[in-house]
Each structure stands twice: as structure tokens, then as C-alpha cells.
PDB file of all heavy atoms in Angstrom:
ATOM      1  N   VAL A   1      69.738 115.535  72.704  1.00  0.00           N
ATOM      2  CA  VAL A   1      68.588 116.351  73.076  1.00  0.00           C
ATOM      3  C   VAL A   1      68.083 115.888  74.464  1.00  0.00           C
ATOM      4  O   VAL A   1      67.827 114.727  74.676  1.00  0.00           O
ATOM      5  CB  VAL A   1      67.420 116.278  72.086  1.00  0.00           C
ATOM      6  CG1 VAL A   1      66.222 117.088  72.563  1.00  0.00           C
ATOM      7  CG2 VAL A   1      67.861 116.785  70.691  1.00  0.00           C
ATOM      8  N   ASN A   2      68.057 116.817  75.407  1.00  0.00           N
ATOM      9  CA  ASN A   2      67.466 116.549  76.708  1.00  0.00           C
ATOM     10  C   ASN A   2      66.020 116.970  76.727  1.00  0.00           C
ATOM     11  O   ASN A   2      65.715 118.153  76.642  1.00  0.00           O
ATOM     12  CB  ASN A   2      68.260 117.269  77.783  1.00  0.00           C
ATOM     13  CG  ASN A   2      67.741 117.032  79.200  1.00  0.00           C
ATOM     14  OD1 ASN A   2      66.773 116.299  79.410  1.00  0.00           O
ATOM     15  ND2 ASN A   2      68.335 117.660  80.194  1.00  0.00           N
ATOM     16  N   PRO A   3      65.065 116.020  76.792  1.00  0.00           N
ATOM     17  CA  PRO A   3      63.629 116.418  76.716  1.00  0.00           C
ATOM     18  C   PRO A   3      63.206 117.270  77.884  1.00  0.00           C
ATOM     19  O   PRO A   3      62.163 117.892  77.856  1.00  0.00           O
ATOM     20  CB  PRO A   3      62.945 115.022  76.755  1.00  0.00           C
ATOM     21  CG  PRO A   3      63.897 114.127  77.373  1.00  0.00           C
ATOM     22  CD  PRO A   3      65.278 114.600  76.976  1.00  0.00           C
ATOM     23  N   ASN A   4      64.058 117.318  78.943  1.00  0.00           N
ATOM     24  CA  ASN A   4      63.695 118.159  80.140  1.00  0.00           C
ATOM     25  C   ASN A   4      64.348 119.531  80.099  1.00  0.00           C
ATOM     26  O   ASN A   4      64.321 120.222  81.129  1.00  0.00           O
ATOM     27  CB  ASN A   4      64.069 117.400  81.419  1.00  0.00           C
ATOM     28  CG  ASN A   4      63.326 116.050  81.523  1.00  0.00           C
ATOM     29  OD1 ASN A   4      62.127 115.987  81.258  1.00  0.00           O
ATOM     30  ND2 ASN A   4      64.070 115.050  81.894  1.00  0.00           N
ATOM     31  N   ASP A   5      64.982 119.879  79.006  1.00  0.00           N
ATOM     32  CA  ASP A   5      65.710 121.165  78.956  1.00  0.00           C
ATOM     33  C   ASP A   5      64.837 122.338  79.332  1.00  0.00           C
ATOM     34  O   ASP A   5      65.288 123.212  80.089  1.00  0.00           O
ATOM     35  CB  ASP A   5      66.318 121.412  77.576  1.00  0.00           C
ATOM     36  CG  ASP A   5      67.768 121.016  77.476  1.00  0.00           C
ATOM     37  OD1 ASP A   5      68.402 120.843  78.570  1.00  0.00           O
ATOM     38  OD2 ASP A   5      68.358 120.907  76.413  1.00  0.00           O
ATOM     39  N   ASP A   6      63.689 122.369  78.785  1.00  0.00           N
ATOM     40  CA  ASP A   6      62.817 123.574  79.056  1.00  0.00           C
ATOM     41  C   ASP A   6      62.475 123.653  80.538  1.00  0.00           C
ATOM     42  O   ASP A   6      62.561 124.727  81.159  1.00  0.00           O
ATOM     43  CB  ASP A   6      61.478 123.456  78.262  1.00  0.00           C
ATOM     44  CG  ASP A   6      61.723 123.693  76.774  1.00  0.00           C
ATOM     45  OD1 ASP A   6      62.780 124.292  76.412  1.00  0.00           O
ATOM     46  OD2 ASP A   6      60.891 123.261  75.940  1.00  0.00           O
ATOM     47  N   ALA A   7      62.130 122.507  81.116  1.00  0.00           N
ATOM     48  CA  ALA A   7      61.746 122.505  82.534  1.00  0.00           C
ATOM     49  C   ALA A   7      62.984 122.796  83.430  1.00  0.00           C
ATOM     50  O   ALA A   7      62.864 123.416  84.492  1.00  0.00           O
ATOM     51  CB  ALA A   7      61.141 121.207  82.914  1.00  0.00           C
ATOM     52  N   GLU A   8      64.150 122.294  82.996  1.00  0.00           N
ATOM     53  CA  GLU A   8      65.370 122.458  83.805  1.00  0.00           C
ATOM     54  C   GLU A   8      66.176 123.699  83.482  1.00  0.00           C
ATOM     55  O   GLU A   8      67.188 123.959  84.111  1.00  0.00           O
ATOM     56  CB  GLU A   8      66.271 121.205  83.629  1.00  0.00           C
ATOM     57  CG  GLU A   8      65.620 119.923  84.069  1.00  0.00           C
ATOM     58  CD  GLU A   8      66.461 118.692  83.679  1.00  0.00           C
ATOM     59  OE1 GLU A   8      67.504 118.878  83.114  1.00  0.00           O
ATOM     60  OE2 GLU A   8      66.017 117.544  84.001  1.00  0.00           O
ATOM     61  N   GLY A   9      65.695 124.463  82.497  1.00  0.00           N
ATOM     62  CA  GLY A   9      66.439 125.676  82.107  1.00  0.00           C
ATOM     63  C   GLY A   9      67.696 125.390  81.369  1.00  0.00           C
ATOM     64  O   GLY A   9      68.668 126.159  81.459  1.00  0.00           O
ATOM     65  N   GLY A  10      67.771 124.263  80.682  1.00  0.00           N
ATOM     66  CA  GLY A  10      68.953 123.861  79.935  1.00  0.00           C
ATOM     67  C   GLY A  10      69.218 124.651  78.702  1.00  0.00           C
ATOM     68  O   GLY A  10      68.348 125.464  78.250  1.00  0.00           O
ATOM     69  N   VAL A  11      70.416 124.505  78.103  1.00  0.00           N
ATOM     70  CA  VAL A  11      70.775 125.288  76.926  1.00  0.00           C
ATOM     71  C   VAL A  11      69.958 124.858  75.719  1.00  0.00           C
ATOM     72  O   VAL A  11      69.603 125.698  74.887  1.00  0.00           O
ATOM     73  CB  VAL A  11      72.286 125.124  76.650  1.00  0.00           C
ATOM     74  CG1 VAL A  11      72.636 125.818  75.336  1.00  0.00           C
ATOM     75  CG2 VAL A  11      73.074 125.695  77.804  1.00  0.00           C
ATOM     76  N   GLY A  12      69.662 123.592  75.594  1.00  0.00           N
ATOM     77  CA  GLY A  12      68.893 123.091  74.454  1.00  0.00           C
ATOM     78  C   GLY A  12      69.854 122.636  73.366  1.00  0.00           C
ATOM     79  O   GLY A  12      71.018 122.362  73.561  1.00  0.00           O
ATOM     80  N   ARG A  13      69.273 122.585  72.125  1.00  0.00           N
ATOM     81  CA  ARG A  13      70.046 122.075  71.010  1.00  0.00           C
ATOM     82  C   ARG A  13      71.169 123.034  70.585  1.00  0.00           C
ATOM     83  O   ARG A  13      70.968 124.215  70.569  1.00  0.00           O
ATOM     84  CB  ARG A  13      69.136 121.778  69.813  1.00  0.00           C
ATOM     85  CG  ARG A  13      68.012 120.836  70.175  1.00  0.00           C
ATOM     86  CD  ARG A  13      67.193 120.391  68.978  1.00  0.00           C
ATOM     87  NE  ARG A  13      66.976 121.451  67.964  1.00  0.00           N
ATOM     88  CZ  ARG A  13      66.098 121.319  66.949  1.00  0.00           C
ATOM     89  NH1 ARG A  13      65.416 120.186  66.842  1.00  0.00           N
ATOM     90  NH2 ARG A  13      65.900 122.265  66.105  1.00  0.00           N
ATOM     91  N   ARG A  14      72.311 122.493  70.228  1.00  0.00           N
ATOM     92  CA  ARG A  14      73.451 123.293  69.854  1.00  0.00           C
ATOM     93  C   ARG A  14      73.381 123.743  68.391  1.00  0.00           C
ATOM     94  O   ARG A  14      72.659 123.123  67.595  1.00  0.00           O
ATOM     95  CB  ARG A  14      74.740 122.500  70.074  1.00  0.00           C
ATOM     96  CG  ARG A  14      74.906 122.006  71.543  1.00  0.00           C
ATOM     97  CD  ARG A  14      76.109 121.064  71.676  1.00  0.00           C
ATOM     98  NE  ARG A  14      75.933 119.846  70.986  1.00  0.00           N
ATOM     99  CZ  ARG A  14      76.317 118.668  71.486  1.00  0.00           C
ATOM    100  NH1 ARG A  14      76.802 118.548  72.661  1.00  0.00           N
ATOM    101  NH2 ARG A  14      76.202 117.546  70.755  1.00  0.00           N
ATOM    102  N   GLY A  15      74.104 124.769  68.067  1.00  0.00           N
ATOM    103  CA  GLY A  15      74.219 125.235  66.681  1.00  0.00           C
ATOM    104  C   GLY A  15      75.362 124.479  65.977  1.00  0.00           C
ATOM    105  O   GLY A  15      76.498 124.515  66.473  1.00  0.00           O
ATOM    106  N   LEU A  16      75.080 123.892  64.855  1.00  0.00           N
ATOM    107  CA  LEU A  16      76.088 123.121  64.102  1.00  0.00           C
ATOM    108  C   LEU A  16      76.203 123.643  62.665  1.00  0.00           C
ATOM    109  O   LEU A  16      76.095 124.788  62.406  1.00  0.00           O
ATOM    110  CB  LEU A  16      75.778 121.639  64.186  1.00  0.00           C
ATOM    111  CG  LEU A  16      75.888 120.977  65.564  1.00  0.00           C
ATOM    112  CD1 LEU A  16      75.569 119.512  65.462  1.00  0.00           C
ATOM    113  CD2 LEU A  16      77.317 121.151  66.156  1.00  0.00           C
ATOM    114  N   ALA A  17      76.324 122.659  61.747  1.00  0.00           N
ATOM    115  CA  ALA A  17      76.577 123.018  60.353  1.00  0.00           C
ATOM    116  C   ALA A  17      75.407 123.762  59.717  1.00  0.00           C
ATOM    117  O   ALA A  17      75.611 124.409  58.647  1.00  0.00           O
ATOM    118  CB  ALA A  17      76.900 121.733  59.561  1.00  0.00           C
ATOM    119  N   GLY A  18      74.199 123.635  60.241  1.00  0.00           N
ATOM    120  CA  GLY A  18      73.064 124.331  59.722  1.00  0.00           C
ATOM    121  C   GLY A  18      73.261 125.849  59.718  1.00  0.00           C
ATOM    122  O   GLY A  18      72.629 126.553  58.935  1.00  0.00           O
ATOM    123  N   THR A  19      74.222 126.363  60.479  1.00  0.00           N
ATOM    124  CA  THR A  19      74.514 127.771  60.512  1.00  0.00           C
ATOM    125  C   THR A  19      74.975 128.257  59.150  1.00  0.00           C
ATOM    126  O   THR A  19      74.676 129.370  58.765  1.00  0.00           O
ATOM    127  CB  THR A  19      75.612 128.099  61.561  1.00  0.00           C
ATOM    128  OG1 THR A  19      75.271 127.445  62.822  1.00  0.00           O
ATOM    129  CG2 THR A  19      75.725 129.595  61.777  1.00  0.00           C
ATOM    130  N   VAL A  20      75.637 127.403  58.426  1.00  0.00           N
ATOM    131  CA  VAL A  20      76.135 127.767  57.091  1.00  0.00           C
ATOM    132  C   VAL A  20      74.962 128.092  56.187  1.00  0.00           C
ATOM    133  O   VAL A  20      74.946 129.046  55.390  1.00  0.00           O
ATOM    134  CB  VAL A  20      76.993 126.687  56.499  1.00  0.00           C
ATOM    135  CG1 VAL A  20      77.506 127.093  55.132  1.00  0.00           C
ATOM    136  CG2 VAL A  20      78.143 126.355  57.378  1.00  0.00           C
ATOM    137  N   LEU A  21      73.920 127.217  56.256  1.00  0.00           N
ATOM    138  CA  LEU A  21      72.738 127.466  55.432  1.00  0.00           C
ATOM    139  C   LEU A  21      71.974 128.724  55.837  1.00  0.00           C
ATOM    140  O   LEU A  21      71.474 129.465  54.968  1.00  0.00           O
ATOM    141  CB  LEU A  21      71.753 126.242  55.546  1.00  0.00           C
ATOM    142  CG  LEU A  21      72.337 124.910  55.021  1.00  0.00           C
ATOM    143  CD1 LEU A  21      71.328 123.829  55.217  1.00  0.00           C
ATOM    144  CD2 LEU A  21      72.723 125.028  53.571  1.00  0.00           C
ATOM    145  N   VAL A  22      71.899 128.992  57.117  1.00  0.00           N
ATOM    146  CA  VAL A  22      71.292 130.224  57.600  1.00  0.00           C
ATOM    147  C   VAL A  22      72.056 131.411  57.036  1.00  0.00           C
ATOM    148  O   VAL A  22      71.438 132.369  56.525  1.00  0.00           O
ATOM    149  CB  VAL A  22      71.267 130.286  59.120  1.00  0.00           C
ATOM    150  CG1 VAL A  22      70.677 131.611  59.631  1.00  0.00           C
ATOM    151  CG2 VAL A  22      70.456 129.116  59.713  1.00  0.00           C
ATOM    152  N   ASN A  23      73.377 131.433  57.114  1.00  0.00           N
ATOM    153  CA  ASN A  23      74.160 132.513  56.581  1.00  0.00           C
ATOM    154  C   ASN A  23      73.874 132.693  55.088  1.00  0.00           C
ATOM    155  O   ASN A  23      73.773 133.804  54.607  1.00  0.00           O
ATOM    156  CB  ASN A  23      75.632 132.229  56.788  1.00  0.00           C
ATOM    157  CG  ASN A  23      76.064 132.189  58.243  1.00  0.00           C
ATOM    158  OD1 ASN A  23      75.356 132.732  59.084  1.00  0.00           O
ATOM    159  ND2 ASN A  23      77.176 131.611  58.544  1.00  0.00           N
ATOM    160  N   LYS A  24      73.844 131.549  54.337  1.00  0.00           N
ATOM    161  CA  LYS A  24      73.677 131.721  52.912  1.00  0.00           C
ATOM    162  C   LYS A  24      72.306 132.191  52.479  1.00  0.00           C
ATOM    163  O   LYS A  24      72.225 133.133  51.660  1.00  0.00           O
ATOM    164  CB  LYS A  24      73.962 130.329  52.271  1.00  0.00           C
ATOM    165  CG  LYS A  24      73.814 130.338  50.693  1.00  0.00           C
ATOM    166  CD  LYS A  24      74.740 131.378  50.122  1.00  0.00           C
ATOM    167  CE  LYS A  24      74.381 131.674  48.668  1.00  0.00           C
ATOM    168  NZ  LYS A  24      75.112 132.849  48.119  1.00  0.00           N
ATOM    169  N   PHE A  25      71.295 131.629  53.032  1.00  0.00           N
ATOM    170  CA  PHE A  25      69.931 132.043  52.663  1.00  0.00           C
ATOM    171  C   PHE A  25      69.642 133.461  53.110  1.00  0.00           C
ATOM    172  O   PHE A  25      69.040 134.258  52.345  1.00  0.00           O
ATOM    173  CB  PHE A  25      68.880 131.067  53.207  1.00  0.00           C
ATOM    174  CG  PHE A  25      68.745 129.802  52.406  1.00  0.00           C
ATOM    175  CD1 PHE A  25      69.571 128.710  52.637  1.00  0.00           C
ATOM    176  CD2 PHE A  25      67.788 129.672  51.417  1.00  0.00           C
ATOM    177  CE1 PHE A  25      69.460 127.549  51.858  1.00  0.00           C
ATOM    178  CE2 PHE A  25      67.698 128.542  50.612  1.00  0.00           C
ATOM    179  CZ  PHE A  25      68.510 127.471  50.888  1.00  0.00           C
ATOM    180  N   ALA A  26      69.983 133.798  54.345  1.00  0.00           N
ATOM    181  CA  ALA A  26      69.777 135.144  54.839  1.00  0.00           C
ATOM    182  C   ALA A  26      70.602 136.136  54.064  1.00  0.00           C
ATOM    183  O   ALA A  26      70.164 137.251  53.732  1.00  0.00           O
ATOM    184  CB  ALA A  26      70.063 135.221  56.366  1.00  0.00           C
ATOM    185  N   GLY A  27      71.871 135.750  53.775  1.00  0.00           N
ATOM    186  CA  GLY A  27      72.764 136.641  53.036  1.00  0.00           C
ATOM    187  C   GLY A  27      72.255 136.909  51.611  1.00  0.00           C
ATOM    188  O   GLY A  27      72.346 138.026  51.122  1.00  0.00           O
ATOM    189  N   ALA A  28      71.686 135.855  50.984  1.00  0.00           N
ATOM    190  CA  ALA A  28      71.162 135.996  49.658  1.00  0.00           C
ATOM    191  C   ALA A  28      69.925 136.917  49.643  1.00  0.00           C
ATOM    192  O   ALA A  28      69.756 137.786  48.760  1.00  0.00           O
ATOM    193  CB  ALA A  28      70.771 134.651  49.100  1.00  0.00           C
ATOM    194  N   ARG A  29      69.092 136.778  50.657  1.00  0.00           N
ATOM    195  CA  ARG A  29      67.874 137.627  50.749  1.00  0.00           C
ATOM    196  C   ARG A  29      68.319 139.083  50.995  1.00  0.00           C
ATOM    197  O   ARG A  29      67.661 140.001  50.449  1.00  0.00           O
ATOM    198  CB  ARG A  29      66.951 137.189  51.923  1.00  0.00           C
ATOM    199  CG  ARG A  29      65.599 137.892  51.894  1.00  0.00           C
ATOM    200  CD  ARG A  29      64.848 137.518  50.674  1.00  0.00           C
ATOM    201  NE  ARG A  29      63.589 138.288  50.511  1.00  0.00           N
ATOM    202  CZ  ARG A  29      63.478 139.350  49.751  1.00  0.00           C
ATOM    203  NH1 ARG A  29      64.538 139.854  49.109  1.00  0.00           N
ATOM    204  NH2 ARG A  29      62.295 139.989  49.656  1.00  0.00           N
ATOM    205  N   ALA A  30      69.319 139.304  51.774  1.00  0.00           N
ATOM    206  CA  ALA A  30      69.790 140.647  51.993  1.00  0.00           C
ATOM    207  C   ALA A  30      70.324 141.236  50.748  1.00  0.00           C
ATOM    208  O   ALA A  30      70.069 142.422  50.387  1.00  0.00           O
ATOM    209  CB  ALA A  30      70.840 140.675  53.097  1.00  0.00           C
ATOM    210  N   ALA A  31      71.106 140.451  49.985  1.00  0.00           N
ATOM    211  CA  ALA A  31      71.736 140.894  48.779  1.00  0.00           C
ATOM    212  C   ALA A  31      70.725 141.242  47.670  1.00  0.00           C
ATOM    213  O   ALA A  31      71.039 142.033  46.758  1.00  0.00           O
ATOM    214  CB  ALA A  31      72.751 139.905  48.244  1.00  0.00           C
ATOM    215  N   THR A  32      69.544 140.645  47.744  1.00  0.00           N
ATOM    216  CA  THR A  32      68.506 140.896  46.737  1.00  0.00           C
ATOM    217  C   THR A  32      67.532 141.972  47.207  1.00  0.00           C
ATOM    218  O   THR A  32      66.442 142.084  46.601  1.00  0.00           O
ATOM    219  CB  THR A  32      67.758 139.654  46.382  1.00  0.00           C
ATOM    220  OG1 THR A  32      67.240 139.023  47.581  1.00  0.00           O
ATOM    221  CG2 THR A  32      68.669 138.637  45.677  1.00  0.00           C
TER     222      THR A  32
END
């Protein structure tokens, strides 16, 4: 994490394994 990302216009935090949980929870809510 670069604490200056916002000021420097950086990309910020990357997407990792948490994407799987997003897919699952959002997919479950859509299915219901």
C-alpha cells in the first residue's frame, strides 16, 4: 500500500482472492 496513492493518482490496492467472496455473496443475493 502506497499511502500517497490518492495524492499521486496511483492505482491503489490490487484485487486479489477477495474477488471470489464478492462473486459468491453477490451471486447468492442475485439468485435469491
